[in-house]
Amino acid sequence: MKKRRTADEVARLLREIDRDLAKGLTISDVCRKINIAETTYYRWRQRHDPAQVNADRRCRELEGEIERLKRLVAELMLDKQMLQDIAKKKW
């Protein structure tokens, strides 16, 4: 039966693998120790790489900021247009 691990569990296991690799074990040994395939290790490393995760999070934050600024600019343009229309009218 296939085991599903959460992102937190995968991150914890990757830190554990890094510690074991620093001790001199090979990737094959470490994967055998935690009972996963080497391809699973490389897939996890690719998906849960801290630099990539931080970059993705930063990208989502910037997209949200862009949307907020676009709305703000649209409101300001509308206010400007209303003021110009009022200024054109002769009282």
PDB file of N, CA and C in Angstrom:
ATOM      1  N   MET A   1       0.839  -1.172   0.000  1.00  0.00           N
ATOM      2  CA  MET A   1       0.000   0.000   0.000  1.00  0.00           C
ATOM      3  C   MET A   1       0.889   1.243   0.000  1.00  0.00           C
ATOM      4  N   LYS A   2       0.498   2.247  -0.731  1.00  0.00           N
ATOM      5  CA  LYS A   2       1.298   3.449  -0.895  1.00  0.00           C
ATOM      6  C   LYS A   2       1.132   4.377   0.303  1.00  0.00           C
ATOM      7  N   LYS A   3       2.262   4.852   0.822  1.00  0.00           N
ATOM      8  CA  LYS A   3       2.217   5.790   1.946  1.00  0.00           C
ATOM      9  C   LYS A   3       2.218   7.214   1.405  1.00  0.00           C
ATOM     10  N   ARG A   4       1.381   8.034   1.962  1.00  0.00           N
ATOM     11  CA  ARG A   4       1.367   9.455   1.623  1.00  0.00           C
ATOM     12  C   ARG A   4       1.931  10.210   2.807  1.00  0.00           C
ATOM     13  N   ARG A   5       2.871  11.065   2.541  1.00  0.00           N
ATOM     14  CA  ARG A   5       3.459  11.870   3.606  1.00  0.00           C
ATOM     15  C   ARG A   5       3.122  13.334   3.368  1.00  0.00           C
ATOM     16  N   THR A   6       2.931  14.054   4.460  1.00  0.00           N
ATOM     17  CA  THR A   6       2.639  15.478   4.349  1.00  0.00           C
ATOM     18  C   THR A   6       3.924  16.225   4.028  1.00  0.00           C
ATOM     19  N   ALA A   7       3.772  17.481   3.651  1.00  0.00           N
ATOM     20  CA  ALA A   7       4.936  18.300   3.310  1.00  0.00           C
ATOM     21  C   ALA A   7       5.863  18.457   4.518  1.00  0.00           C
ATOM     22  N   ASP A   8       5.280  18.550   5.717  1.00  0.00           N
ATOM     23  CA  ASP A   8       6.097  18.679   6.924  1.00  0.00           C
ATOM     24  C   ASP A   8       6.908  17.414   7.179  1.00  0.00           C
ATOM     25  N   GLU A   9       6.280  16.274   6.977  1.00  0.00           N
ATOM     26  CA  GLU A   9       6.993  15.009   7.161  1.00  0.00           C
ATOM     27  C   GLU A   9       8.124  14.869   6.150  1.00  0.00           C
ATOM     28  N   VAL A  10       7.855  15.256   4.917  1.00  0.00           N
ATOM     29  CA  VAL A  10       8.879  15.176   3.880  1.00  0.00           C
ATOM     30  C   VAL A  10      10.034  16.108   4.212  1.00  0.00           C
ATOM     31  N   ALA A  11       9.732  17.316   4.654  1.00  0.00           N
ATOM     32  CA  ALA A  11      10.788  18.260   5.014  1.00  0.00           C
ATOM     33  C   ALA A  11      11.627  17.720   6.167  1.00  0.00           C
ATOM     34  N   ARG A  12      10.967  17.106   7.152  1.00  0.00           N
ATOM     35  CA  ARG A  12      11.691  16.530   8.290  1.00  0.00           C
ATOM     36  C   ARG A  12      12.596  15.394   7.820  1.00  0.00           C
ATOM     37  N   LEU A  13      12.062  14.537   6.958  1.00  0.00           N
ATOM     38  CA  LEU A  13      12.859  13.426   6.443  1.00  0.00           C
ATOM     39  C   LEU A  13      14.037  13.919   5.605  1.00  0.00           C
ATOM     40  N   LEU A  14      13.842  14.976   4.831  1.00  0.00           N
ATOM     41  CA  LEU A  14      14.939  15.514   4.034  1.00  0.00           C
ATOM     42  C   LEU A  14      16.045  16.080   4.924  1.00  0.00           C
ATOM     43  N   ARG A  15      15.652  16.724   6.029  1.00  0.00           N
ATOM     44  CA  ARG A  15      16.677  17.213   6.972  1.00  0.00           C
ATOM     45  C   ARG A  15      17.434  16.044   7.587  1.00  0.00           C
ATOM     46  N   GLU A  16      16.697  14.991   7.915  1.00  0.00           N
ATOM     47  CA  GLU A  16      17.320  13.790   8.477  1.00  0.00           C
ATOM     48  C   GLU A  16      18.273  13.157   7.461  1.00  0.00           C
ATOM     49  N   ILE A  17      17.864  13.115   6.215  1.00  0.00           N
ATOM     50  CA  ILE A  17      18.715  12.567   5.159  1.00  0.00           C
ATOM     51  C   ILE A  17      19.976  13.406   5.008  1.00  0.00           C
ATOM     52  N   ASP A  18      19.831  14.726   5.060  1.00  0.00           N
ATOM     53  CA  ASP A  18      21.007  15.596   4.962  1.00  0.00           C
ATOM     54  C   ASP A  18      21.999  15.320   6.082  1.00  0.00           C
ATOM     55  N   ARG A  19      21.479  15.106   7.302  1.00  0.00           N
ATOM     56  CA  ARG A  19      22.368  14.802   8.427  1.00  0.00           C
ATOM     57  C   ARG A  19      23.103  13.483   8.188  1.00  0.00           C
ATOM     58  N   ASP A  20      22.372  12.472   7.697  1.00  0.00           N
ATOM     59  CA  ASP A  20      22.997  11.175   7.440  1.00  0.00           C
ATOM     60  C   ASP A  20      24.024  11.265   6.316  1.00  0.00           C
ATOM     61  N   LEU A  21      23.724  12.063   5.292  1.00  0.00           N
ATOM     62  CA  LEU A  21      24.674  12.232   4.200  1.00  0.00           C
ATOM     63  C   LEU A  21      25.938  12.936   4.681  1.00  0.00           C
ATOM     64  N   ALA A  22      25.767  13.874   5.620  1.00  0.00           N
ATOM     65  CA  ALA A  22      26.927  14.565   6.180  1.00  0.00           C
ATOM     66  C   ALA A  22      27.796  13.609   6.992  1.00  0.00           C
ATOM     67  N   LYS A  23      27.187  12.573   7.540  1.00  0.00           N
ATOM     68  CA  LYS A  23      27.937  11.571   8.306  1.00  0.00           C
ATOM     69  C   LYS A  23      28.721  10.632   7.400  1.00  0.00           C
ATOM     70  N   GLY A  24      28.450  10.661   6.099  1.00  0.00           N
ATOM     71  CA  GLY A  24      29.197   9.842   5.168  1.00  0.00           C
ATOM     72  C   GLY A  24      28.415   8.713   4.540  1.00  0.00           C
ATOM     73  N   LEU A  25      27.153   8.578   4.863  1.00  0.00           N
ATOM     74  CA  LEU A  25      26.336   7.533   4.245  1.00  0.00           C
ATOM     75  C   LEU A  25      26.027   7.913   2.798  1.00  0.00           C
ATOM     76  N   THR A  26      25.752   6.900   1.987  1.00  0.00           N
ATOM     77  CA  THR A  26      25.376   7.172   0.601  1.00  0.00           C
ATOM     78  C   THR A  26      23.861   7.362   0.518  1.00  0.00           C
ATOM     79  N   ILE A  27      23.427   7.893  -0.605  1.00  0.00           N
ATOM     80  CA  ILE A  27      21.999   8.109  -0.798  1.00  0.00           C
ATOM     81  C   ILE A  27      21.259   6.776  -0.782  1.00  0.00           C
ATOM     82  N   SER A  28      21.873   5.754  -1.367  1.00  0.00           N
ATOM     83  CA  SER A  28      21.242   4.426  -1.365  1.00  0.00           C
ATOM     84  C   SER A  28      21.028   3.923   0.055  1.00  0.00           C
ATOM     85  N   ASP A  29      22.043   4.085   0.903  1.00  0.00           N
ATOM     86  CA  ASP A  29      21.938   3.620   2.289  1.00  0.00           C
ATOM     87  C   ASP A  29      20.847   4.376   3.047  1.00  0.00           C
ATOM     88  N   VAL A  30      20.835   5.679   2.865  1.00  0.00           N
ATOM     89  CA  VAL A  30      19.856   6.505   3.584  1.00  0.00           C
ATOM     90  C   VAL A  30      18.442   6.176   3.122  1.00  0.00           C
ATOM     91  N   CYS A  31      18.251   6.000   1.818  1.00  0.00           N
ATOM     92  CA  CYS A  31      16.921   5.672   1.296  1.00  0.00           C
ATOM     93  C   CYS A  31      16.465   4.311   1.811  1.00  0.00           C
ATOM     94  N   ARG A  32      17.382   3.376   1.879  1.00  0.00           N
ATOM     95  CA  ARG A  32      17.046   2.059   2.407  1.00  0.00           C
ATOM     96  C   ARG A  32      16.669   2.175   3.893  1.00  0.00           C
ATOM     97  N   LYS A  33      17.370   3.060   4.609  1.00  0.00           N
ATOM     98  CA  LYS A  33      17.123   3.231   6.033  1.00  0.00           C
ATOM     99  C   LYS A  33      15.703   3.745   6.315  1.00  0.00           C
ATOM    100  N   ILE A  34      15.247   4.704   5.512  1.00  0.00           N
ATOM    101  CA  ILE A  34      13.902   5.256   5.755  1.00  0.00           C
ATOM    102  C   ILE A  34      12.851   4.616   4.856  1.00  0.00           C
ATOM    103  N   ASN A  35      13.277   3.601   4.087  1.00  0.00           N
ATOM    104  CA  ASN A  35      12.367   2.773   3.314  1.00  0.00           C
ATOM    105  C   ASN A  35      11.659   3.549   2.190  1.00  0.00           C
ATOM    106  N   ILE A  36      12.458   4.259   1.388  1.00  0.00           N
ATOM    107  CA  ILE A  36      11.930   4.925   0.197  1.00  0.00           C
ATOM    108  C   ILE A  36      12.847   4.597  -0.977  1.00  0.00           C
ATOM    109  N   ALA A  37      12.360   4.798  -2.178  1.00  0.00           N
ATOM    110  CA  ALA A  37      13.164   4.592  -3.377  1.00  0.00           C
ATOM    111  C   ALA A  37      14.027   5.829  -3.620  1.00  0.00           C
ATOM    112  N   GLU A  38      15.126   5.629  -4.320  1.00  0.00           N
ATOM    113  CA  GLU A  38      15.997   6.770  -4.626  1.00  0.00           C
ATOM    114  C   GLU A  38      15.275   7.795  -5.485  1.00  0.00           C
ATOM    115  N   THR A  39      14.432   7.329  -6.388  1.00  0.00           N
ATOM    116  CA  THR A  39      13.686   8.273  -7.224  1.00  0.00           C
ATOM    117  C   THR A  39      12.753   9.135  -6.377  1.00  0.00           C
ATOM    118  N   THR A  40      12.211   8.534  -5.328  1.00  0.00           N
ATOM    119  CA  THR A  40      11.359   9.308  -4.419  1.00  0.00           C
ATOM    120  C   THR A  40      12.176  10.388  -3.739  1.00  0.00           C
ATOM    121  N   TYR A  41      13.388  10.048  -3.317  1.00  0.00           N
ATOM    122  CA  TYR A  41      14.264  11.043  -2.684  1.00  0.00           C
ATOM    123  C   TYR A  41      14.517  12.216  -3.630  1.00  0.00           C
ATOM    124  N   TYR A  42      14.881  11.910  -4.865  1.00  0.00           N
ATOM    125  CA  TYR A  42      15.184  12.982  -5.819  1.00  0.00           C
ATOM    126  C   TYR A  42      13.938  13.806  -6.145  1.00  0.00           C
ATOM    127  N   ARG A  43      12.785  13.153  -6.213  1.00  0.00           N
ATOM    128  CA  ARG A  43      11.540  13.880  -6.459  1.00  0.00           C
ATOM    129  C   ARG A  43      11.232  14.806  -5.294  1.00  0.00           C
ATOM    130  N   TRP A  44      11.382  14.294  -4.066  1.00  0.00           N
ATOM    131  CA  TRP A  44      11.166  15.129  -2.878  1.00  0.00           C
ATOM    132  C   TRP A  44      12.129  16.298  -2.869  1.00  0.00           C
ATOM    133  N   ARG A  45      13.377  16.024  -3.172  1.00  0.00           N
ATOM    134  CA  ARG A  45      14.393  17.080  -3.148  1.00  0.00           C
ATOM    135  C   ARG A  45      14.035  18.164  -4.150  1.00  0.00           C
ATOM    136  N   GLN A  46      13.511  17.740  -5.304  1.00  0.00           N
ATOM    137  CA  GLN A  46      13.145  18.707  -6.332  1.00  0.00           C
ATOM    138  C   GLN A  46      11.924  19.533  -5.915  1.00  0.00           C
ATOM    139  N   ARG A  47      10.921  18.892  -5.336  1.00  0.00           N
ATOM    140  CA  ARG A  47       9.679  19.584  -4.983  1.00  0.00           C
ATOM    141  C   ARG A  47       9.776  20.384  -3.694  1.00  0.00           C
ATOM    142  N   HIS A  48      10.554  19.892  -2.742  1.00  0.00           N
ATOM    143  CA  HIS A  48      10.578  20.508  -1.419  1.00  0.00           C
ATOM    144  C   HIS A  48      11.894  21.209  -1.123  1.00  0.00           C
ATOM    145  N   ASP A  49      12.604  21.582  -2.181  1.00  0.00           N
ATOM    146  CA  ASP A  49      13.840  22.319  -1.995  1.00  0.00           C
ATOM    147  C   ASP A  49      13.510  23.658  -1.336  1.00  0.00           C
ATOM    148  N   PRO A  50      14.142  23.989  -0.212  1.00  0.00           N
ATOM    149  CA  PRO A  50      13.782  25.215   0.509  1.00  0.00           C
ATOM    150  C   PRO A  50      13.902  26.479  -0.336  1.00  0.00           C
ATOM    151  N   ALA A  51      14.912  26.558  -1.172  1.00  0.00           N
ATOM    152  CA  ALA A  51      15.067  27.755  -2.000  1.00  0.00           C
ATOM    153  C   ALA A  51      13.903  27.880  -2.980  1.00  0.00           C
ATOM    154  N   GLN A  52      13.485  26.768  -3.556  1.00  0.00           N
ATOM    155  CA  GLN A  52      12.381  26.787  -4.513  1.00  0.00           C
ATOM    156  C   GLN A  52      11.064  27.114  -3.817  1.00  0.00           C
ATOM    157  N   VAL A  53      10.841  26.544  -2.649  1.00  0.00           N
ATOM    158  CA  VAL A  53       9.609  26.801  -1.904  1.00  0.00           C
ATOM    159  C   VAL A  53       9.528  28.276  -1.527  1.00  0.00           C
ATOM    160  N   ASN A  54      10.639  28.859  -1.070  1.00  0.00           N
ATOM    161  CA  ASN A  54      10.653  30.271  -0.712  1.00  0.00           C
ATOM    162  C   ASN A  54      10.421  31.148  -1.943  1.00  0.00           C
ATOM    163  N   ALA A  55      10.991  30.762  -3.070  1.00  0.00           N
ATOM    164  CA  ALA A  55      10.795  31.534  -4.296  1.00  0.00           C
ATOM    165  C   ALA A  55       9.329  31.479  -4.729  1.00  0.00           C
ATOM    166  N   ASP A  56       8.710  30.316  -4.624  1.00  0.00           N
ATOM    167  CA  ASP A  56       7.296  30.186  -4.987  1.00  0.00           C
ATOM    168  C   ASP A  56       6.420  31.035  -4.072  1.00  0.00           C
ATOM    169  N   ARG A  57       6.708  30.998  -2.780  1.00  0.00           N
ATOM    170  CA  ARG A  57       5.939  31.788  -1.818  1.00  0.00           C
ATOM    171  C   ARG A  57       6.094  33.276  -2.125  1.00  0.00           C
ATOM    172  N   ARG A  58       7.314  33.710  -2.406  1.00  0.00           N
ATOM    173  CA  ARG A  58       7.581  35.113  -2.711  1.00  0.00           C
ATOM    174  C   ARG A  58       6.845  35.531  -3.983  1.00  0.00           C
ATOM    175  N   CYS A  59       6.804  34.636  -4.965  1.00  0.00           N
ATOM    176  CA  CYS A  59       6.111  34.923  -6.218  1.00  0.00           C
ATOM    177  C   CYS A  59       4.616  35.124  -5.970  1.00  0.00           C
ATOM    178  N   ARG A  60       4.014  34.268  -5.160  1.00  0.00           N
ATOM    179  CA  ARG A  60       2.582  34.418  -4.842  1.00  0.00           C
ATOM    180  C   ARG A  60       2.327  35.725  -4.095  1.00  0.00           C
ATOM    181  N   GLU A  61       3.234  36.091  -3.184  1.00  0.00           N
ATOM    182  CA  GLU A  61       3.075  37.344  -2.449  1.00  0.00           C
ATOM    183  C   GLU A  61       3.149  38.530  -3.400  1.00  0.00           C
ATOM    184  N   LEU A  62       4.087  38.474  -4.337  1.00  0.00           N
ATOM    185  CA  LEU A  62       4.228  39.577  -5.290  1.00  0.00           C
ATOM    186  C   LEU A  62       3.026  39.671  -6.218  1.00  0.00           C
ATOM    187  N   GLU A  63       2.465  38.539  -6.606  1.00  0.00           N
ATOM    188  CA  GLU A  63       1.268  38.580  -7.444  1.00  0.00           C
ATOM    189  C   GLU A  63       0.110  39.235  -6.705  1.00  0.00           C
ATOM    190  N   GLY A  64      -0.026  38.937  -5.425  1.00  0.00           N
ATOM    191  CA  GLY A  64      -1.067  39.575  -4.620  1.00  0.00           C
ATOM    192  C   GLY A  64      -0.838  41.070  -4.495  1.00  0.00           C
ATOM    193  N   GLU A  65       0.407  41.461  -4.315  1.00  0.00           N
ATOM    194  CA  GLU A  65       0.755  42.879  -4.216  1.00  0.00           C
ATOM    195  C   GLU A  65       0.460  43.594  -5.529  1.00  0.00           C
ATOM    196  N   ILE A  66       0.743  42.955  -6.640  1.00  0.00           N
ATOM    197  CA  ILE A  66       0.466  43.551  -7.949  1.00  0.00           C
ATOM    198  C   ILE A  66      -1.029  43.786  -8.124  1.00  0.00           C
ATOM    199  N   GLU A  67      -1.826  42.803  -7.755  1.00  0.00           N
ATOM    200  CA  GLU A  67      -3.281  42.960  -7.870  1.00  0.00           C
ATOM    201  C   GLU A  67      -3.786  44.112  -7.003  1.00  0.00           C
ATOM    202  N   ARG A  68      -3.265  44.211  -5.802  1.00  0.00           N
ATOM    203  CA  ARG A  68      -3.671  45.290  -4.891  1.00  0.00           C
ATOM    204  C   ARG A  68      -3.309  46.650  -5.485  1.00  0.00           C
ATOM    205  N   LEU A  69      -2.099  46.746  -6.041  1.00  0.00           N
ATOM    206  CA  LEU A  69      -1.662  48.020  -6.627  1.00  0.00           C
ATOM    207  C   LEU A  69      -2.460  48.373  -7.879  1.00  0.00           C
ATOM    208  N   LYS A  70      -2.844  47.374  -8.665  1.00  0.00           N
ATOM    209  CA  LYS A  70      -3.665  47.636  -9.844  1.00  0.00           C
ATOM    210  C   LYS A  70      -5.016  48.219  -9.444  1.00  0.00           C
ATOM    211  N   ARG A  71      -5.612  47.650  -8.396  1.00  0.00           N
ATOM    212  CA  ARG A  71      -6.896  48.186  -7.923  1.00  0.00           C
ATOM    213  C   ARG A  71      -6.728  49.618  -7.431  1.00  0.00           C
ATOM    214  N   LEU A  72      -5.644  49.872  -6.732  1.00  0.00           N
ATOM    215  CA  LEU A  72      -5.384  51.207  -6.211  1.00  0.00           C
ATOM    216  C   LEU A  72      -5.217  52.216  -7.344  1.00  0.00           C
ATOM    217  N   VAL A  73      -4.473  51.850  -8.365  1.00  0.00           N
ATOM    218  CA  VAL A  73      -4.278  52.726  -9.520  1.00  0.00           C
ATOM    219  C   VAL A  73      -5.605  52.973 -10.225  1.00  0.00           C
ATOM    220  N   ALA A  74      -6.429  51.954 -10.370  1.00  0.00           N
ATOM    221  CA  ALA A  74      -7.730  52.123 -11.025  1.00  0.00           C
ATOM    222  C   ALA A  74      -8.601  53.096 -10.242  1.00  0.00           C
ATOM    223  N   GLU A  75      -8.608  52.994  -8.922  1.00  0.00           N
ATOM    224  CA  GLU A  75      -9.391  53.919  -8.098  1.00  0.00           C
ATOM    225  C   GLU A  75      -8.874  55.346  -8.233  1.00  0.00           C
ATOM    226  N   LEU A  76      -7.563  55.506  -8.240  1.00  0.00           N
ATOM    227  CA  LEU A  76      -6.986  56.843  -8.362  1.00  0.00           C
ATOM    228  C   LEU A  76      -7.279  57.447  -9.737  1.00  0.00           C
ATOM    229  N   MET A  77      -7.243  56.634 -10.771  1.00  0.00           N
ATOM    230  CA  MET A  77      -7.565  57.135 -12.115  1.00  0.00           C
ATOM    231  C   MET A  77      -9.027  57.566 -12.188  1.00  0.00           C
ATOM    232  N   LEU A  78      -9.902  56.815 -11.525  1.00  0.00           N
ATOM    233  CA  LEU A  78     -11.310  57.176 -11.497  1.00  0.00           C
ATOM    234  C   LEU A  78     -11.510  58.496 -10.752  1.00  0.00           C
ATOM    235  N   ASP A  79     -10.842  58.658  -9.618  1.00  0.00           N
ATOM    236  CA  ASP A  79     -10.929  59.914  -8.871  1.00  0.00           C
ATOM    237  C   ASP A  79     -10.414  61.086  -9.704  1.00  0.00           C
ATOM    238  N   LYS A  80      -9.324  60.871 -10.396  1.00  0.00           N
ATOM    239  CA  LYS A  80      -8.747  61.929 -11.233  1.00  0.00           C
ATOM    240  C   LYS A  80      -9.719  62.316 -12.341  1.00  0.00           C
ATOM    241  N   GLN A  81     -10.312  61.313 -12.967  1.00  0.00           N
ATOM    242  CA  GLN A  81     -11.262  61.578 -14.052  1.00  0.00           C
ATOM    243  C   GLN A  81     -12.468  62.358 -13.533  1.00  0.00           C
ATOM    244  N   MET A  82     -12.962  61.988 -12.353  1.00  0.00           N
ATOM    245  CA  MET A  82     -14.106  62.720 -11.777  1.00  0.00           C
ATOM    246  C   MET A  82     -13.727  64.165 -11.497  1.00  0.00           C
ATOM    247  N   LEU A  83     -12.546  64.402 -10.966  1.00  0.00           N
ATOM    248  CA  LEU A  83     -12.115  65.778 -10.689  1.00  0.00           C
ATOM    249  C   LEU A  83     -11.945  66.583 -11.971  1.00  0.00           C
ATOM    250  N   GLN A  84     -11.444  65.954 -13.011  1.00  0.00           N
ATOM    251  CA  GLN A  84     -11.309  66.660 -14.289  1.00  0.00           C
ATOM    252  C   GLN A  84     -12.670  67.008 -14.866  1.00  0.00           C
ATOM    253  N   ASP A  85     -13.645  66.114 -14.737  1.00  0.00           N
ATOM    254  CA  ASP A  85     -14.994  66.394 -15.232  1.00  0.00           C
ATOM    255  C   ASP A  85     -15.618  67.560 -14.478  1.00  0.00           C
ATOM    256  N   ILE A  86     -15.400  67.591 -13.170  1.00  0.00           N
ATOM    257  CA  ILE A  86     -15.940  68.695 -12.356  1.00  0.00           C
ATOM    258  C   ILE A  86     -15.270  70.001 -12.734  1.00  0.00           C
ATOM    259  N   ALA A  87     -13.954  69.976 -12.988  1.00  0.00           N
ATOM    260  CA  ALA A  87     -13.238  71.189 -13.344  1.00  0.00           C
ATOM    261  C   ALA A  87     -13.671  71.736 -14.701  1.00  0.00           C
ATOM    262  N   LYS A  88     -14.083  70.857 -15.620  1.00  0.00           N
ATOM    263  CA  LYS A  88     -14.498  71.287 -16.958  1.00  0.00           C
ATOM    264  C   LYS A  88     -15.851  71.993 -16.929  1.00  0.00           C
ATOM    265  N   LYS A  89     -16.701  71.615 -15.992  1.00  0.00           N
ATOM    266  CA  LYS A  89     -18.027  72.213 -15.920  1.00  0.00           C
ATOM    267  C   LYS A  89     -17.920  73.680 -15.497  1.00  0.00           C
ATOM    268  N   LYS A  90     -18.767  74.483 -16.075  1.00  0.00           N
ATOM    269  CA  LYS A  90     -18.787  75.888 -15.687  1.00  0.00           C
ATOM    270  C   LYS A  90     -19.970  76.079 -14.765  1.00  0.00           C
ATOM    271  N   TRP A  91     -19.726  76.670 -13.647  1.00  0.00           N
ATOM    272  CA  TRP A  91     -20.758  76.860 -12.649  1.00  0.00           C
ATOM    273  C   TRP A  91     -21.505  78.094 -12.970  1.00  0.00           C
TER     274      TRP A  91
END
